Amino acid sequence: MAKAVSILQKALKVEDLDARYDVLERLRDLYLNMQNIEEAEQIEQEMKREEEQNAQQKAAKKSKVGRNDPCPCGSGKKYKKCHGAGF
């Protein structure tokens, strides 16, 4: 199991890792299986930070209105036919 922990820790050092939460989850499970509760709790805290960061990124992405999305003014028209028509 020590080798698996080492591999997962190396994976966490990779920048822009898409599956970072999954790696953290697997690492936490390994620590729990090894009865290393303190390390598991630290990973758990890191997982919570990762979730919060992902939620903030998703909220930032949703603030953009796509051309085919409903216009935020509430008219019921597509954005491109309403307030986005001048672009």
Protein backbone atom coordinates (compact mmCIF):
# COMPACT_ATOMS: atom_id res chain seq x y z
CA MET A 1 0.00 0.00 0.00
CA ALA A 2 2.93 2.34 0.57
CA LYS A 3 3.70 2.26 -3.13
CA ALA A 4 0.12 3.21 -4.00
CA VAL A 5 0.28 6.12 -1.54
CA SER A 6 3.54 7.28 -3.12
CA ILE A 7 2.07 7.15 -6.63
CA LEU A 8 -1.04 9.09 -5.58
CA GLN A 9 1.04 11.73 -3.80
CA LYS A 10 3.11 12.19 -6.96
CA ALA A 11 -0.10 12.52 -8.98
CA LEU A 12 -1.25 15.36 -6.71
CA LYS A 13 1.87 17.32 -7.58
CA VAL A 14 0.87 17.45 -11.26
CA GLU A 15 -0.39 20.91 -12.18
CA ASP A 16 -3.92 21.23 -13.58
CA LEU A 17 -4.84 17.66 -12.68
CA ASP A 18 -8.45 17.13 -13.80
CA ALA A 19 -9.07 14.16 -11.50
CA ARG A 20 -7.55 15.77 -8.39
CA TYR A 21 -10.64 15.11 -6.25
CA ASP A 22 -10.67 11.44 -7.28
CA VAL A 23 -6.99 11.07 -6.38
CA LEU A 24 -7.62 12.70 -3.00
CA GLU A 25 -10.55 10.38 -2.37
CA ARG A 26 -8.49 7.29 -3.17
CA LEU A 27 -5.61 8.52 -1.01
CA ARG A 28 -8.00 9.11 1.91
CA ASP A 29 -9.36 5.58 1.54
CA LEU A 30 -5.85 4.14 1.57
CA TYR A 31 -4.97 6.06 4.73
CA LEU A 32 -8.15 4.82 6.39
CA ASN A 33 -7.32 1.22 5.44
CA MET A 34 -3.86 1.70 6.92
CA GLN A 35 -5.45 3.06 10.15
CA ASN A 36 -3.70 6.40 9.60
CA ILE A 37 -6.57 8.59 10.78
CA GLU A 38 -4.62 11.86 11.05
CA GLU A 39 -3.48 11.72 7.41
CA ALA A 40 -7.00 10.75 6.32
CA GLU A 41 -8.42 13.80 8.11
CA GLN A 42 -5.88 16.09 6.43
CA ILE A 43 -6.85 14.66 3.03
CA GLU A 44 -10.52 15.11 3.97
CA GLN A 45 -9.88 18.83 4.60
CA GLU A 46 -8.08 19.13 1.28
CA MET A 47 -11.05 17.45 -0.44
CA LYS A 48 -13.39 20.07 1.07
CA ARG A 49 -11.15 22.88 -0.21
CA GLU A 50 -11.13 21.24 -3.64
CA GLU A 51 -14.96 21.04 -3.64
CA GLU A 52 -15.25 24.71 -2.69
CA GLN A 53 -12.78 25.71 -5.39
CA ASN A 54 -14.66 23.68 -8.00
CA ALA A 55 -17.96 25.26 -6.94
CA GLN A 56 -16.47 28.75 -7.32
CA GLN A 57 -15.14 27.91 -10.77
CA LYS A 58 -18.50 26.54 -11.88
CA ALA A 59 -20.28 29.65 -10.57
CA ALA A 60 -17.90 31.85 -12.53
CA LYS A 61 -18.54 29.88 -15.71
CA LYS A 62 -22.32 30.11 -15.29
CA SER A 63 -22.25 33.90 -15.12
CA LYS A 64 -21.62 34.10 -18.87
CA VAL A 65 -24.70 34.11 -21.06
CA GLY A 66 -24.50 32.02 -24.20
CA ARG A 67 -26.00 33.22 -27.46
CA ASN A 68 -28.72 30.56 -27.40
CA ASP A 69 -29.48 30.90 -23.68
CA PRO A 70 -32.59 32.75 -22.51
CA CYS A 71 -31.94 36.47 -22.10
CA PRO A 72 -31.35 37.40 -18.45
CA CYS A 73 -33.75 40.36 -18.79
CA GLY A 74 -36.66 37.92 -18.54
CA SER A 75 -38.20 38.62 -21.95
CA GLY A 76 -38.29 34.93 -22.84
CA LYS A 77 -36.32 35.52 -26.03
CA LYS A 78 -32.95 34.05 -26.79
CA TYR A 79 -30.08 36.33 -25.85
CA LYS A 80 -28.96 36.64 -29.47
CA LYS A 81 -32.43 37.95 -30.47
CA CYS A 82 -32.73 40.33 -27.50
CA HIS A 83 -29.87 42.11 -25.74
CA GLY A 84 -27.18 40.26 -27.68
CA ALA A 85 -28.51 41.35 -31.06
CA GLY A 86 -26.03 44.20 -31.45
CA PHE A 87 -22.96 41.95 -31.34
